[in-house]
Amino acid sequence: MTYQRKIPILECGHEYVREILYGRWKITLIYYIANGVSRPGELQRKIPQASRRVLDVQLNQLVKHEIISKTVYDESVAKVEYRLTAFGASLLPVVMTVIEWGNKNFKELKRVTR
């Protein structure tokens, strides 16, 4: 049985961007992967507040949306690495702008979200 969306996505670009970036850790995952953190265990150590299960779900969504690629190495102990795709690299300026804006407005954002 395939998932049927109850509310369709509006036919505009920002709705698709929201669909791809929606998720508590996705922007952080894209940032770390772009900066060379490629193994699931490394990502878990960088984001200890997130459960491994949630990270795996969001990583799989990013793979599905072709923002990152996943390589599984056939070794005695399975080894997995994630890399930014060319499509994902084209999203990086947007992600960096969001991160910079958040850092610049940290105090105000913290105040208004309490």
PDB file of N, CA and C in Angstrom:
ATOM      1  N   MET A   1       0.845  -1.175   0.000  1.00  0.00           N
ATOM      2  CA  MET A   1       0.000   0.000   0.000  1.00  0.00           C
ATOM      3  C   MET A   1       0.892   1.241   0.000  1.00  0.00           C
ATOM      4  N   THR A   2       0.676   2.111  -0.945  1.00  0.00           N
ATOM      5  CA  THR A   2       1.450   3.341  -1.014  1.00  0.00           C
ATOM      6  C   THR A   2       0.741   4.463  -0.263  1.00  0.00           C
ATOM      7  N   TYR A   3       1.564   5.345   0.234  1.00  0.00           N
ATOM      8  CA  TYR A   3       1.046   6.495   0.968  1.00  0.00           C
ATOM      9  C   TYR A   3       0.318   7.435   0.012  1.00  0.00           C
ATOM     10  N   GLN A   4      -0.889   7.804   0.357  1.00  0.00           N
ATOM     11  CA  GLN A   4      -1.655   8.786  -0.413  1.00  0.00           C
ATOM     12  C   GLN A   4      -1.741  10.074   0.391  1.00  0.00           C
ATOM     13  N   ARG A   5      -1.226  11.139  -0.161  1.00  0.00           N
ATOM     14  CA  ARG A   5      -1.243  12.432   0.509  1.00  0.00           C
ATOM     15  C   ARG A   5      -2.684  12.914   0.651  1.00  0.00           C
ATOM     16  N   LYS A   6      -3.062  13.293   1.862  1.00  0.00           N
ATOM     17  CA  LYS A   6      -4.419  13.781   2.117  1.00  0.00           C
ATOM     18  C   LYS A   6      -4.608  15.199   1.607  1.00  0.00           C
ATOM     19  N   ILE A   7      -3.609  16.014   1.803  1.00  0.00           N
ATOM     20  CA  ILE A   7      -3.662  17.402   1.327  1.00  0.00           C
ATOM     21  C   ILE A   7      -2.590  17.547   0.262  1.00  0.00           C
ATOM     22  N   PRO A   8      -2.972  17.811  -0.969  1.00  0.00           N
ATOM     23  CA  PRO A   8      -1.971  17.886  -2.037  1.00  0.00           C
ATOM     24  C   PRO A   8      -1.036  19.081  -1.859  1.00  0.00           C
ATOM     25  N   ILE A   9       0.162  18.937  -2.393  1.00  0.00           N
ATOM     26  CA  ILE A   9       1.125  20.039  -2.397  1.00  0.00           C
ATOM     27  C   ILE A   9       0.660  21.062  -3.426  1.00  0.00           C
ATOM     28  N   LEU A  10       0.703  22.333  -3.056  1.00  0.00           N
ATOM     29  CA  LEU A  10       0.389  23.395  -4.011  1.00  0.00           C
ATOM     30  C   LEU A  10       1.435  23.381  -5.112  1.00  0.00           C
ATOM     31  N   GLU A  11       1.044  23.709  -6.290  1.00  0.00           N
ATOM     32  CA  GLU A  11       1.971  23.692  -7.420  1.00  0.00           C
ATOM     33  C   GLU A  11       2.820  24.956  -7.466  1.00  0.00           C
ATOM     34  N   CYS A  12       3.693  25.105  -6.463  1.00  0.00           N
ATOM     35  CA  CYS A  12       4.634  26.221  -6.458  1.00  0.00           C
ATOM     36  C   CYS A  12       5.928  25.761  -5.783  1.00  0.00           C
ATOM     37  N   GLY A  13       7.020  26.371  -6.194  1.00  0.00           N
ATOM     38  CA  GLY A  13       8.344  25.935  -5.755  1.00  0.00           C
ATOM     39  C   GLY A  13       8.539  25.903  -4.258  1.00  0.00           C
ATOM     40  N   HIS A  14       8.038  26.927  -3.548  1.00  0.00           N
ATOM     41  CA  HIS A  14       8.310  26.969  -2.112  1.00  0.00           C
ATOM     42  C   HIS A  14       7.632  25.814  -1.375  1.00  0.00           C
ATOM     43  N   GLU A  15       6.549  25.286  -1.904  1.00  0.00           N
ATOM     44  CA  GLU A  15       5.905  24.130  -1.280  1.00  0.00           C
ATOM     45  C   GLU A  15       6.794  22.890  -1.398  1.00  0.00           C
ATOM     46  N   TYR A  16       7.460  22.733  -2.520  1.00  0.00           N
ATOM     47  CA  TYR A  16       8.352  21.591  -2.700  1.00  0.00           C
ATOM     48  C   TYR A  16       9.613  21.742  -1.856  1.00  0.00           C
ATOM     49  N   VAL A  17      10.107  22.963  -1.720  1.00  0.00           N
ATOM     50  CA  VAL A  17      11.258  23.201  -0.838  1.00  0.00           C
ATOM     51  C   VAL A  17      10.880  22.842   0.593  1.00  0.00           C
ATOM     52  N   ARG A  18       9.699  23.280   1.022  1.00  0.00           N
ATOM     53  CA  ARG A  18       9.221  22.951   2.369  1.00  0.00           C
ATOM     54  C   ARG A  18       9.111  21.439   2.540  1.00  0.00           C
ATOM     55  N   GLU A  19       8.603  20.771   1.532  1.00  0.00           N
ATOM     56  CA  GLU A  19       8.470  19.308   1.590  1.00  0.00           C
ATOM     57  C   GLU A  19       9.834  18.641   1.801  1.00  0.00           C
ATOM     58  N   ILE A  20      10.849  19.133   1.136  1.00  0.00           N
ATOM     59  CA  ILE A  20      12.186  18.549   1.240  1.00  0.00           C
ATOM     60  C   ILE A  20      12.853  18.914   2.561  1.00  0.00           C
ATOM     61  N   LEU A  21      12.726  20.163   3.004  1.00  0.00           N
ATOM     62  CA  LEU A  21      13.436  20.614   4.201  1.00  0.00           C
ATOM     63  C   LEU A  21      12.664  20.414   5.496  1.00  0.00           C
ATOM     64  N   TYR A  22      11.364  20.097   5.409  1.00  0.00           N
ATOM     65  CA  TYR A  22      10.575  19.909   6.622  1.00  0.00           C
ATOM     66  C   TYR A  22      11.100  18.695   7.376  1.00  0.00           C
ATOM     67  N   GLY A  23      11.438  18.899   8.610  1.00  0.00           N
ATOM     68  CA  GLY A  23      12.001  17.848   9.454  1.00  0.00           C
ATOM     69  C   GLY A  23      13.001  18.494  10.390  1.00  0.00           C
ATOM     70  N   ARG A  24      12.909  18.178  11.636  1.00  0.00           N
ATOM     71  CA  ARG A  24      13.679  18.847  12.684  1.00  0.00           C
ATOM     72  C   ARG A  24      15.183  18.908  12.399  1.00  0.00           C
ATOM     73  N   TRP A  25      15.738  17.869  11.788  1.00  0.00           N
ATOM     74  CA  TRP A  25      17.201  17.789  11.665  1.00  0.00           C
ATOM     75  C   TRP A  25      17.723  17.875  10.246  1.00  0.00           C
ATOM     76  N   LYS A  26      16.857  18.068   9.257  1.00  0.00           N
ATOM     77  CA  LYS A  26      17.303  17.995   7.865  1.00  0.00           C
ATOM     78  C   LYS A  26      18.326  19.074   7.495  1.00  0.00           C
ATOM     79  N   ILE A  27      18.089  20.308   7.890  1.00  0.00           N
ATOM     80  CA  ILE A  27      19.054  21.373   7.560  1.00  0.00           C
ATOM     81  C   ILE A  27      20.389  21.090   8.232  1.00  0.00           C
ATOM     82  N   THR A  28      20.350  20.632   9.468  1.00  0.00           N
ATOM     83  CA  THR A  28      21.577  20.303  10.195  1.00  0.00           C
ATOM     84  C   THR A  28      22.298  19.140   9.522  1.00  0.00           C
ATOM     85  N   LEU A  29      21.555  18.123   9.098  1.00  0.00           N
ATOM     86  CA  LEU A  29      22.160  16.981   8.403  1.00  0.00           C
ATOM     87  C   LEU A  29      22.822  17.424   7.102  1.00  0.00           C
ATOM     88  N   ILE A  30      22.142  18.248   6.330  1.00  0.00           N
ATOM     89  CA  ILE A  30      22.719  18.743   5.071  1.00  0.00           C
ATOM     90  C   ILE A  30      24.002  19.516   5.357  1.00  0.00           C
ATOM     91  N   TYR A  31      23.974  20.361   6.372  1.00  0.00           N
ATOM     92  CA  TYR A  31      25.154  21.157   6.732  1.00  0.00           C
ATOM     93  C   TYR A  31      26.337  20.250   7.096  1.00  0.00           C
ATOM     94  N   TYR A  32      26.109  19.283   7.974  1.00  0.00           N
ATOM     95  CA  TYR A  32      27.211  18.412   8.400  1.00  0.00           C
ATOM     96  C   TYR A  32      27.718  17.543   7.257  1.00  0.00           C
ATOM     97  N   ILE A  33      26.827  17.020   6.444  1.00  0.00           N
ATOM     98  CA  ILE A  33      27.262  16.183   5.322  1.00  0.00           C
ATOM     99  C   ILE A  33      28.067  17.023   4.335  1.00  0.00           C
ATOM    100  N   ALA A  34      27.632  18.241   4.083  1.00  0.00           N
ATOM    101  CA  ALA A  34      28.380  19.132   3.185  1.00  0.00           C
ATOM    102  C   ALA A  34      29.764  19.443   3.726  1.00  0.00           C
ATOM    103  N   ASN A  35      29.920  19.389   5.046  1.00  0.00           N
ATOM    104  CA  ASN A  35      31.203  19.691   5.680  1.00  0.00           C
ATOM    105  C   ASN A  35      31.997  18.447   6.047  1.00  0.00           C
ATOM    106  N   GLY A  36      31.699  17.328   5.382  1.00  0.00           N
ATOM    107  CA  GLY A  36      32.541  16.148   5.489  1.00  0.00           C
ATOM    108  C   GLY A  36      32.142  15.101   6.509  1.00  0.00           C
ATOM    109  N   VAL A  37      31.064  15.301   7.231  1.00  0.00           N
ATOM    110  CA  VAL A  37      30.606  14.279   8.176  1.00  0.00           C
ATOM    111  C   VAL A  37      29.704  13.340   7.380  1.00  0.00           C
ATOM    112  N   SER A  38      30.170  12.117   7.138  1.00  0.00           N
ATOM    113  CA  SER A  38      29.455  11.273   6.185  1.00  0.00           C
ATOM    114  C   SER A  38      28.902   9.965   6.761  1.00  0.00           C
ATOM    115  N   ARG A  39      29.348   9.561   7.935  1.00  0.00           N
ATOM    116  CA  ARG A  39      28.911   8.282   8.493  1.00  0.00           C
ATOM    117  C   ARG A  39      27.776   8.496   9.494  1.00  0.00           C
ATOM    118  N   PRO A  40      26.810   7.577   9.551  1.00  0.00           N
ATOM    119  CA  PRO A  40      25.676   7.723  10.476  1.00  0.00           C
ATOM    120  C   PRO A  40      26.096   7.907  11.936  1.00  0.00           C
ATOM    121  N   GLY A  41      27.094   7.173  12.388  1.00  0.00           N
ATOM    122  CA  GLY A  41      27.563   7.309  13.764  1.00  0.00           C
ATOM    123  C   GLY A  41      28.140   8.687  14.044  1.00  0.00           C
ATOM    124  N   GLU A  42      28.869   9.236  13.065  1.00  0.00           N
ATOM    125  CA  GLU A  42      29.419  10.593  13.213  1.00  0.00           C
ATOM    126  C   GLU A  42      28.292  11.619  13.305  1.00  0.00           C
ATOM    127  N   LEU A  43      27.277  11.448  12.460  1.00  0.00           N
ATOM    128  CA  LEU A  43      26.138  12.367  12.478  1.00  0.00           C
ATOM    129  C   LEU A  43      25.414  12.288  13.821  1.00  0.00           C
ATOM    130  N   GLN A  44      25.276  11.077  14.340  1.00  0.00           N
ATOM    131  CA  GLN A  44      24.625  10.892  15.646  1.00  0.00           C
ATOM    132  C   GLN A  44      25.411  11.604  16.740  1.00  0.00           C
ATOM    133  N   ARG A  45      26.742  11.526  16.691  1.00  0.00           N
ATOM    134  CA  ARG A  45      27.563  12.206  17.696  1.00  0.00           C
ATOM    135  C   ARG A  45      27.471  13.728  17.562  1.00  0.00           C
ATOM    136  N   LYS A  46      27.327  14.221  16.343  1.00  0.00           N
ATOM    137  CA  LYS A  46      27.201  15.669  16.120  1.00  0.00           C
ATOM    138  C   LYS A  46      25.837  16.193  16.576  1.00  0.00           C
ATOM    139  N   ILE A  47      24.821  15.319  16.533  1.00  0.00           N
ATOM    140  CA  ILE A  47      23.452  15.727  16.884  1.00  0.00           C
ATOM    141  C   ILE A  47      22.926  14.777  17.967  1.00  0.00           C
ATOM    142  N   PRO A  48      23.483  14.830  19.171  1.00  0.00           N
ATOM    143  CA  PRO A  48      23.093  13.865  20.210  1.00  0.00           C
ATOM    144  C   PRO A  48      21.644  14.012  20.678  1.00  0.00           C
ATOM    145  N   GLN A  49      21.022  15.164  20.418  1.00  0.00           N
ATOM    146  CA  GLN A  49      19.636  15.377  20.835  1.00  0.00           C
ATOM    147  C   GLN A  49      18.661  14.548  19.997  1.00  0.00           C
ATOM    148  N   ALA A  50      19.077  14.117  18.830  1.00  0.00           N
ATOM    149  CA  ALA A  50      18.207  13.364  17.924  1.00  0.00           C
ATOM    150  C   ALA A  50      18.419  11.873  18.116  1.00  0.00           C
ATOM    151  N   SER A  51      17.338  11.123  18.071  1.00  0.00           N
ATOM    152  CA  SER A  51      17.468   9.667  18.155  1.00  0.00           C
ATOM    153  C   SER A  51      18.009   9.138  16.825  1.00  0.00           C
ATOM    154  N   ARG A  52      18.651   7.996  16.881  1.00  0.00           N
ATOM    155  CA  ARG A  52      19.206   7.395  15.668  1.00  0.00           C
ATOM    156  C   ARG A  52      18.091   7.079  14.674  1.00  0.00           C
ATOM    157  N   ARG A  53      16.948   6.652  15.189  1.00  0.00           N
ATOM    158  CA  ARG A  53      15.815   6.321  14.329  1.00  0.00           C
ATOM    159  C   ARG A  53      15.328   7.542  13.547  1.00  0.00           C
ATOM    160  N   VAL A  54      15.195   8.686  14.226  1.00  0.00           N
ATOM    161  CA  VAL A  54      14.748   9.912  13.560  1.00  0.00           C
ATOM    162  C   VAL A  54      15.776  10.340  12.520  1.00  0.00           C
ATOM    163  N   LEU A  55      17.049  10.265  12.868  1.00  0.00           N
ATOM    164  CA  LEU A  55      18.088  10.624  11.897  1.00  0.00           C
ATOM    165  C   LEU A  55      18.028   9.708  10.679  1.00  0.00           C
ATOM    166  N   ASP A  56      17.854   8.411  10.907  1.00  0.00           N
ATOM    167  CA  ASP A  56      17.772   7.469   9.784  1.00  0.00           C
ATOM    168  C   ASP A  56      16.583   7.777   8.878  1.00  0.00           C
ATOM    169  N   VAL A  57      15.436   8.092   9.472  1.00  0.00           N
ATOM    170  CA  VAL A  57      14.246   8.437   8.682  1.00  0.00           C
ATOM    171  C   VAL A  57      14.520   9.682   7.838  1.00  0.00           C
ATOM    172  N   GLN A  58      15.090  10.705   8.459  1.00  0.00           N
ATOM    173  CA  GLN A  58      15.327  11.950   7.729  1.00  0.00           C
ATOM    174  C   GLN A  58      16.435  11.796   6.696  1.00  0.00           C
ATOM    175  N   LEU A  59      17.455  11.000   6.983  1.00  0.00           N
ATOM    176  CA  LEU A  59      18.485  10.719   5.987  1.00  0.00           C
ATOM    177  C   LEU A  59      17.873   9.990   4.793  1.00  0.00           C
ATOM    178  N   ASN A  60      17.011   9.019   5.047  1.00  0.00           N
ATOM    179  CA  ASN A  60      16.365   8.289   3.953  1.00  0.00           C
ATOM    180  C   ASN A  60      15.471   9.207   3.119  1.00  0.00           C
ATOM    181  N   GLN A  61      14.812  10.157   3.755  1.00  0.00           N
ATOM    182  CA  GLN A  61      13.999  11.120   3.013  1.00  0.00           C
ATOM    183  C   GLN A  61      14.883  12.002   2.123  1.00  0.00           C
ATOM    184  N   LEU A  62      16.019  12.430   2.660  1.00  0.00           N
ATOM    185  CA  LEU A  62      16.941  13.241   1.859  1.00  0.00           C
ATOM    186  C   LEU A  62      17.511  12.444   0.692  1.00  0.00           C
ATOM    187  N   VAL A  63      17.734  11.142   0.892  1.00  0.00           N
ATOM    188  CA  VAL A  63      18.182  10.279  -0.202  1.00  0.00           C
ATOM    189  C   VAL A  63      17.065  10.169  -1.245  1.00  0.00           C
ATOM    190  N   LYS A  64      15.845   9.939  -0.784  1.00  0.00           N
ATOM    191  CA  LYS A  64      14.688   9.827  -1.691  1.00  0.00           C
ATOM    192  C   LYS A  64      14.525  11.086  -2.532  1.00  0.00           C
ATOM    193  N   HIS A  65      14.749  12.247  -1.920  1.00  0.00           N
ATOM    194  CA  HIS A  65      14.606  13.518  -2.632  1.00  0.00           C
ATOM    195  C   HIS A  65      15.878  13.907  -3.394  1.00  0.00           C
ATOM    196  N   GLU A  66      16.868  13.015  -3.403  1.00  0.00           N
ATOM    197  CA  GLU A  66      18.119  13.179  -4.151  1.00  0.00           C
ATOM    198  C   GLU A  66      18.944  14.390  -3.724  1.00  0.00           C
ATOM    199  N   ILE A  67      18.821  14.740  -2.440  1.00  0.00           N
ATOM    200  CA  ILE A  67      19.648  15.804  -1.870  1.00  0.00           C
ATOM    201  C   ILE A  67      20.993  15.219  -1.459  1.00  0.00           C
ATOM    202  N   ILE A  68      20.968  13.995  -0.948  1.00  0.00           N
ATOM    203  CA  ILE A  68      22.189  13.272  -0.596  1.00  0.00           C
ATOM    204  C   ILE A  68      22.145  11.899  -1.262  1.00  0.00           C
ATOM    205  N   SER A  69      23.308  11.281  -1.364  1.00  0.00           N
ATOM    206  CA  SER A  69      23.380   9.909  -1.859  1.00  0.00           C
ATOM    207  C   SER A  69      23.910   9.024  -0.735  1.00  0.00           C
ATOM    208  N   LYS A  70      23.553   7.767  -0.788  1.00  0.00           N
ATOM    209  CA  LYS A  70      23.957   6.807   0.232  1.00  0.00           C
ATOM    210  C   LYS A  70      24.753   5.708  -0.441  1.00  0.00           C
ATOM    211  N   THR A  71      25.928   5.441   0.098  1.00  0.00           N
ATOM    212  CA  THR A  71      26.760   4.356  -0.400  1.00  0.00           C
ATOM    213  C   THR A  71      26.930   3.336   0.711  1.00  0.00           C
ATOM    214  N   VAL A  72      26.600   2.087   0.410  1.00  0.00           N
ATOM    215  CA  VAL A  72      26.763   1.000   1.373  1.00  0.00           C
ATOM    216  C   VAL A  72      27.926   0.150   0.891  1.00  0.00           C
ATOM    217  N   TYR A  73      28.939   0.017   1.741  1.00  0.00           N
ATOM    218  CA  TYR A  73      30.115  -0.776   1.413  1.00  0.00           C
ATOM    219  C   TYR A  73      29.925  -2.186   1.956  1.00  0.00           C
ATOM    220  N   ASP A  74      30.170  -3.164   1.106  1.00  0.00           N
ATOM    221  CA  ASP A  74      29.995  -4.561   1.479  1.00  0.00           C
ATOM    222  C   ASP A  74      31.256  -5.050   2.192  1.00  0.00           C
ATOM    223  N   GLU A  75      31.250  -4.897   3.497  1.00  0.00           N
ATOM    224  CA  GLU A  75      32.367  -5.325   4.334  1.00  0.00           C
ATOM    225  C   GLU A  75      31.820  -6.238   5.420  1.00  0.00           C
ATOM    226  N   SER A  76      32.700  -6.826   6.214  1.00  0.00           N
ATOM    227  CA  SER A  76      32.236  -7.715   7.286  1.00  0.00           C
ATOM    228  C   SER A  76      31.292  -6.978   8.233  1.00  0.00           C
ATOM    229  N   VAL A  77      31.602  -5.725   8.514  1.00  0.00           N
ATOM    230  CA  VAL A  77      30.690  -4.848   9.249  1.00  0.00           C
ATOM    231  C   VAL A  77      30.230  -3.799   8.239  1.00  0.00           C
ATOM    232  N   ALA A  78      28.926  -3.754   7.986  1.00  0.00           N
ATOM    233  CA  ALA A  78      28.403  -2.831   6.975  1.00  0.00           C
ATOM    234  C   ALA A  78      28.850  -1.399   7.256  1.00  0.00           C
ATOM    235  N   LYS A  79      29.279  -0.732   6.210  1.00  0.00           N
ATOM    236  CA  LYS A  79      29.729   0.654   6.315  1.00  0.00           C
ATOM    237  C   LYS A  79      28.869   1.490   5.368  1.00  0.00           C
ATOM    238  N   VAL A  80      28.316   2.581   5.894  1.00  0.00           N
ATOM    239  CA  VAL A  80      27.454   3.460   5.114  1.00  0.00           C
ATOM    240  C   VAL A  80      28.042   4.863   5.133  1.00  0.00           C
ATOM    241  N   GLU A  81      28.021   5.507   3.984  1.00  0.00           N
ATOM    242  CA  GLU A  81      28.463   6.895   3.890  1.00  0.00           C
ATOM    243  C   GLU A  81      27.445   7.701   3.086  1.00  0.00           C
ATOM    244  N   TYR A  82      27.270   8.942   3.489  1.00  0.00           N
ATOM    245  CA  TYR A  82      26.375   9.865   2.791  1.00  0.00           C
ATOM    246  C   TYR A  82      27.200  10.978   2.170  1.00  0.00           C
ATOM    247  N   ARG A  83      26.766  11.424   1.005  1.00  0.00           N
ATOM    248  CA  ARG A  83      27.421  12.527   0.305  1.00  0.00           C
ATOM    249  C   ARG A  83      26.337  13.444  -0.256  1.00  0.00           C
ATOM    250  N   LEU A  84      26.664  14.706  -0.376  1.00  0.00           N
ATOM    251  CA  LEU A  84      25.772  15.653  -1.023  1.00  0.00           C
ATOM    252  C   LEU A  84      25.782  15.383  -2.524  1.00  0.00           C
ATOM    253  N   THR A  85      24.620  15.346  -3.156  1.00  0.00           N
ATOM    254  CA  THR A  85      24.548  15.214  -4.609  1.00  0.00           C
ATOM    255  C   THR A  85      24.753  16.597  -5.231  1.00  0.00           C
ATOM    256  N   ALA A  86      24.861  16.642  -6.543  1.00  0.00           N
ATOM    257  CA  ALA A  86      24.956  17.945  -7.230  1.00  0.00           C
ATOM    258  C   ALA A  86      23.687  18.752  -6.974  1.00  0.00           C
ATOM    259  N   PHE A  87      22.537  18.076  -6.974  1.00  0.00           N
ATOM    260  CA  PHE A  87      21.264  18.737  -6.683  1.00  0.00           C
ATOM    261  C   PHE A  87      21.282  19.280  -5.254  1.00  0.00           C
ATOM    262  N   GLY A  88      21.785  18.495  -4.308  1.00  0.00           N
ATOM    263  CA  GLY A  88      21.889  18.930  -2.919  1.00  0.00           C
ATOM    264  C   GLY A  88      22.858  20.090  -2.761  1.00  0.00           C
ATOM    265  N   ALA A  89      23.962  20.046  -3.506  1.00  0.00           N
ATOM    266  CA  ALA A  89      24.936  21.144  -3.450  1.00  0.00           C
ATOM    267  C   ALA A  89      24.306  22.446  -3.937  1.00  0.00           C
ATOM    268  N   SER A  90      23.367  22.347  -4.874  1.00  0.00           N
ATOM    269  CA  SER A  90      22.699  23.566  -5.354  1.00  0.00           C
ATOM    270  C   SER A  90      21.779  24.152  -4.281  1.00  0.00           C
ATOM    271  N   LEU A  91      21.383  23.339  -3.296  1.00  0.00           N
ATOM    272  CA  LEU A  91      20.548  23.796  -2.177  1.00  0.00           C
ATOM    273  C   LEU A  91      21.390  24.409  -1.063  1.00  0.00           C
ATOM    274  N   LEU A  92      22.671  24.114  -1.054  1.00  0.00           N
ATOM    275  CA  LEU A  92      23.551  24.553   0.029  1.00  0.00           C
ATOM    276  C   LEU A  92      23.551  26.068   0.266  1.00  0.00           C
ATOM    277  N   PRO A  93      23.558  26.927  -0.749  1.00  0.00           N
ATOM    278  CA  PRO A  93      23.496  28.375  -0.466  1.00  0.00           C
ATOM    279  C   PRO A  93      22.236  28.764   0.309  1.00  0.00           C
ATOM    280  N   VAL A  94      21.123  28.119   0.025  1.00  0.00           N
ATOM    281  CA  VAL A  94      19.878  28.395   0.747  1.00  0.00           C
ATOM    282  C   VAL A  94      20.021  27.971   2.199  1.00  0.00           C
ATOM    283  N   VAL A  95      20.550  26.776   2.408  1.00  0.00           N
ATOM    284  CA  VAL A  95      20.752  26.253   3.766  1.00  0.00           C
ATOM    285  C   VAL A  95      21.693  27.171   4.541  1.00  0.00           C
ATOM    286  N   MET A  96      22.785  27.594   3.918  1.00  0.00           N
ATOM    287  CA  MET A  96      23.742  28.464   4.599  1.00  0.00           C
ATOM    288  C   MET A  96      23.124  29.826   4.922  1.00  0.00           C
ATOM    289  N   THR A  97      22.276  30.332   4.038  1.00  0.00           N
ATOM    290  CA  THR A  97      21.596  31.599   4.304  1.00  0.00           C
ATOM    291  C   THR A  97      20.666  31.465   5.508  1.00  0.00           C
ATOM    292  N   VAL A  98      19.931  30.364   5.591  1.00  0.00           N
ATOM    293  CA  VAL A  98      19.037  30.124   6.730  1.00  0.00           C
ATOM    294  C   VAL A  98      19.851  30.019   8.019  1.00  0.00           C
ATOM    295  N   ILE A  99      20.963  29.297   7.981  1.00  0.00           N
ATOM    296  CA  ILE A  99      21.816  29.145   9.164  1.00  0.00           C
ATOM    297  C   ILE A  99      22.387  30.502   9.592  1.00  0.00           C
ATOM    298  N   GLU A 100      22.903  31.265   8.638  1.00  0.00           N
ATOM    299  CA  GLU A 100      23.468  32.583   8.961  1.00  0.00           C
ATOM    300  C   GLU A 100      22.403  33.512   9.537  1.00  0.00           C
ATOM    301  N   TRP A 101      21.209  33.510   8.940  1.00  0.00           N
ATOM    302  CA  TRP A 101      20.125  34.353   9.443  1.00  0.00           C
ATOM    303  C   TRP A 101      19.757  33.942  10.866  1.00  0.00           C
ATOM    304  N   GLY A 102      19.691  32.624  11.101  1.00  0.00           N
ATOM    305  CA  GLY A 102      19.383  32.140  12.446  1.00  0.00           C
ATOM    306  C   GLY A 102      20.433  32.543  13.458  1.00  0.00           C
ATOM    307  N   ASN A 103      21.700  32.435  13.088  1.00  0.00           N
ATOM    308  CA  ASN A 103      22.776  32.832  13.996  1.00  0.00           C
ATOM    309  C   ASN A 103      22.754  34.344  14.258  1.00  0.00           C
ATOM    310  N   LYS A 104      22.493  35.122  13.228  1.00  0.00           N
ATOM    311  CA  LYS A 104      22.452  36.581  13.367  1.00  0.00           C
ATOM    312  C   LYS A 104      21.295  37.022  14.267  1.00  0.00           C
ATOM    313  N   ASN A 105      20.187  36.319  14.201  1.00  0.00           N
ATOM    314  CA  ASN A 105      18.979  36.698  14.937  1.00  0.00           C
ATOM    315  C   ASN A 105      18.677  35.753  16.093  1.00  0.00           C
ATOM    316  N   PHE A 106      19.704  35.087  16.590  1.00  0.00           N
ATOM    317  CA  PHE A 106      19.529  34.052  17.609  1.00  0.00           C
ATOM    318  C   PHE A 106      18.737  34.523  18.827  1.00  0.00           C
ATOM    319  N   LYS A 107      19.123  35.653  19.389  1.00  0.00           N
ATOM    320  CA  LYS A 107      18.459  36.138  20.614  1.00  0.00           C
ATOM    321  C   LYS A 107      16.987  36.435  20.365  1.00  0.00           C
ATOM    322  N   GLU A 108      16.698  37.093  19.273  1.00  0.00           N
ATOM    323  CA  GLU A 108      15.311  37.418  18.943  1.00  0.00           C
ATOM    324  C   GLU A 108      14.496  36.142  18.672  1.00  0.00           C
ATOM    325  N   LEU A 109      15.071  35.217  17.939  1.00  0.00           N
ATOM    326  CA  LEU A 109      14.380  33.958  17.661  1.00  0.00           C
ATOM    327  C   LEU A 109      14.112  33.176  18.938  1.00  0.00           C
ATOM    328  N   LYS A 110      15.094  33.157  19.827  1.00  0.00           N
ATOM    329  CA  LYS A 110      14.933  32.452  21.094  1.00  0.00           C
ATOM    330  C   LYS A 110      13.807  33.096  21.912  1.00  0.00           C
ATOM    331  N   ARG A 111      13.774  34.430  21.913  1.00  0.00           N
ATOM    332  CA  ARG A 111      12.748  35.145  22.677  1.00  0.00           C
ATOM    333  C   ARG A 111      11.339  34.861  22.135  1.00  0.00           C
ATOM    334  N   VAL A 112      11.175  34.900  20.843  1.00  0.00           N
ATOM    335  CA  VAL A 112       9.824  34.777  20.272  1.00  0.00           C
ATOM    336  C   VAL A 112       9.331  33.333  20.197  1.00  0.00           C
ATOM    337  N   THR A 113      10.215  32.368  20.376  1.00  0.00           N
ATOM    338  CA  THR A 113       9.775  30.966  20.305  1.00  0.00           C
ATOM    339  C   THR A 113       9.595  30.326  21.663  1.00  0.00           C
ATOM    340  N   ARG A 114       9.737  31.083  22.714  1.00  0.00           N
ATOM    341  CA  ARG A 114       9.539  30.519  24.065  1.00  0.00           C
ATOM    342  C   ARG A 114       8.094  30.481  24.417  1.00  0.00           C
TER     343      ARG A 114
END
